[in-house]
């Protein structure tokens, strides 16, 4: 894991490069690589391969931070489209959706509550 973090710091790879590398690593060792944080171009992201109330592995967006100057430009929608294309799992989850704009986005793109216990987490 230290090698991965050093690679991130030294090479400043794009988010897509980081995610691709993480997916490769986690496919070989899902337990060690069950979650990973990414950062590029002021975007901060935490992905995991499991979440509560979904029994199988899935692609989980645990956190996604866009600075204000990058919001409302379609970046998150493009990111979801990208994840849909490259995810090795059929389910994509967005955890803890509390932002009203994101709630509307989830409704529009058919993300549903994961379970009654985790109403703010949405899965597609």
Protein backbone atom coordinates (compact mmCIF):
# COMPACT_ATOMS: atom_id res chain seq x y z
CA UNK A 1 0.00 0.00 0.00
CA UNK A 2 2.91 2.32 0.71
CA UNK A 3 4.17 1.80 -2.85
CA UNK A 4 0.81 2.89 -4.21
CA UNK A 5 0.78 6.05 -2.07
CA UNK A 6 4.32 6.89 -3.11
CA UNK A 7 3.35 6.39 -6.77
CA UNK A 8 0.41 8.79 -6.25
CA UNK A 9 2.61 11.43 -4.63
CA UNK A 10 5.55 11.19 -7.01
CA UNK A 11 3.75 10.77 -10.32
CA UNK A 12 0.55 12.76 -9.77
CA UNK A 13 -1.49 10.38 -11.98
CA UNK A 14 -4.97 11.24 -13.19
CA UNK A 15 -7.99 9.88 -11.32
CA UNK A 16 -8.60 7.36 -14.08
CA UNK A 17 -5.01 6.09 -13.86
CA UNK A 18 -5.28 5.79 -10.08
CA UNK A 19 -8.62 3.99 -10.20
CA UNK A 20 -7.41 1.60 -12.90
CA UNK A 21 -4.37 0.72 -10.82
CA UNK A 22 -6.47 0.29 -7.66
CA UNK A 23 -8.88 -2.05 -9.47
CA UNK A 24 -5.95 -4.16 -10.66
CA UNK A 25 -4.47 -4.33 -7.14
CA UNK A 26 -7.77 -5.03 -5.44
CA UNK A 27 -8.63 -7.82 -7.90
CA UNK A 28 -5.46 -9.59 -6.73
CA UNK A 29 -5.94 -8.85 -3.02
CA UNK A 30 -9.47 -7.57 -2.25
CA UNK A 31 -8.96 -7.60 1.50
CA UNK A 32 -5.87 -5.37 1.49
CA UNK A 33 -7.28 -3.10 -1.21
CA UNK A 34 -10.87 -2.93 0.04
CA UNK A 35 -10.71 0.87 0.06
CA UNK A 36 -8.48 3.55 -1.38
CA UNK A 37 -8.34 7.34 -1.49
CA UNK A 38 -7.53 9.31 -4.62
CA UNK A 39 -6.83 12.93 -5.42
CA UNK A 40 -6.22 14.79 -8.67
CA UNK A 41 -7.06 18.22 -10.04
CA UNK A 42 -8.62 19.28 -6.70
CA UNK A 43 -11.01 16.30 -6.74
CA UNK A 44 -10.86 14.04 -3.69
CA UNK A 45 -12.36 10.58 -3.70
CA UNK A 46 -12.66 7.48 -1.53
CA UNK A 47 -13.72 4.20 -3.14
CA UNK A 48 -14.44 0.85 -1.50
CA UNK A 49 -15.44 -2.60 -2.69
CA UNK A 50 -18.09 -3.29 0.02
CA UNK A 51 -20.86 -1.49 1.88
CA UNK A 52 -23.46 -2.27 4.52
CA UNK A 53 -26.56 -4.25 3.52
CA UNK A 54 -25.20 -5.40 0.16
CA UNK A 55 -23.85 -8.94 0.57
CA UNK A 56 -21.59 -9.04 -2.48
CA UNK A 57 -18.72 -6.82 -3.55
CA UNK A 58 -19.73 -3.62 -5.31
CA UNK A 59 -18.14 -0.32 -6.30
CA UNK A 60 -18.76 2.15 -3.48
CA UNK A 61 -18.26 5.88 -3.74
CA UNK A 62 -17.71 6.50 -0.04
CA UNK A 63 -16.85 10.17 -0.54
CA UNK A 64 -16.47 12.53 -3.46
CA UNK A 65 -15.36 16.13 -3.04
CA UNK A 66 -15.46 18.71 -5.80
CA UNK A 67 -14.35 22.26 -5.01
CA UNK A 68 -17.03 24.83 -5.69
CA UNK A 69 -15.41 26.06 -8.91
CA UNK A 70 -15.74 22.55 -10.40
CA UNK A 71 -19.35 21.95 -9.34
CA UNK A 72 -22.28 22.01 -11.80
CA UNK A 73 -20.08 21.16 -14.78
CA UNK A 74 -21.17 17.55 -15.27
CA UNK A 75 -18.03 16.14 -13.67
CA UNK A 76 -19.88 13.83 -11.28
CA UNK A 77 -22.18 12.54 -14.04
CA UNK A 78 -19.16 11.86 -16.26
CA UNK A 79 -17.48 10.12 -13.33
CA UNK A 80 -20.52 7.86 -12.78
CA UNK A 81 -20.55 7.00 -16.51
CA UNK A 82 -16.84 6.17 -16.34
CA UNK A 83 -17.31 3.95 -13.27
CA UNK A 84 -20.21 2.16 -14.94
CA UNK A 85 -17.95 1.30 -17.89
CA UNK A 86 -14.95 0.08 -15.91
CA UNK A 87 -16.46 -1.44 -12.78
CA UNK A 88 -15.96 -5.18 -12.43
CA UNK A 89 -19.13 -5.24 -10.27
CA UNK A 90 -22.73 -4.79 -11.36
CA UNK A 91 -23.71 -2.52 -8.44
CA UNK A 92 -22.48 1.03 -7.85
CA UNK A 93 -23.26 2.64 -4.50
CA UNK A 94 -23.07 6.27 -3.43
CA UNK A 95 -22.87 6.43 0.35
CA UNK A 96 -24.45 9.02 2.60
CA UNK A 97 -26.27 11.15 0.04
CA UNK A 98 -27.42 14.25 1.91
CA UNK A 99 -26.82 17.07 -0.59
CA UNK A 100 -30.19 17.94 -2.17
CA UNK A 101 -28.66 18.27 -5.65
CA UNK A 102 -27.14 14.81 -5.29
CA UNK A 103 -30.45 13.38 -4.05
CA UNK A 104 -32.13 14.68 -7.23
CA UNK A 105 -29.26 13.31 -9.34
CA UNK A 106 -29.70 9.87 -7.73
CA UNK A 107 -33.43 9.92 -8.37
CA UNK A 108 -32.95 10.96 -11.99
CA UNK A 109 -30.43 8.18 -12.65
CA UNK A 110 -32.39 5.44 -10.86
CA UNK A 111 -30.22 5.09 -7.76
CA UNK A 112 -32.34 3.59 -4.97
CA UNK A 113 -31.84 3.50 -1.20
CA UNK A 114 -29.62 0.56 -0.26
CA UNK A 115 -31.97 -0.46 2.57
CA UNK A 116 -34.32 1.05 5.16
CA UNK A 117 -31.43 1.05 7.61
CA UNK A 118 -29.18 2.99 5.20
CA UNK A 119 -31.67 5.30 3.49
CA UNK A 120 -29.04 7.91 2.59
CA UNK A 121 -26.89 5.40 0.67
CA UNK A 122 -28.01 4.84 -2.93
CA UNK A 123 -27.32 1.93 -5.27
CA UNK A 124 -27.76 1.55 -9.01
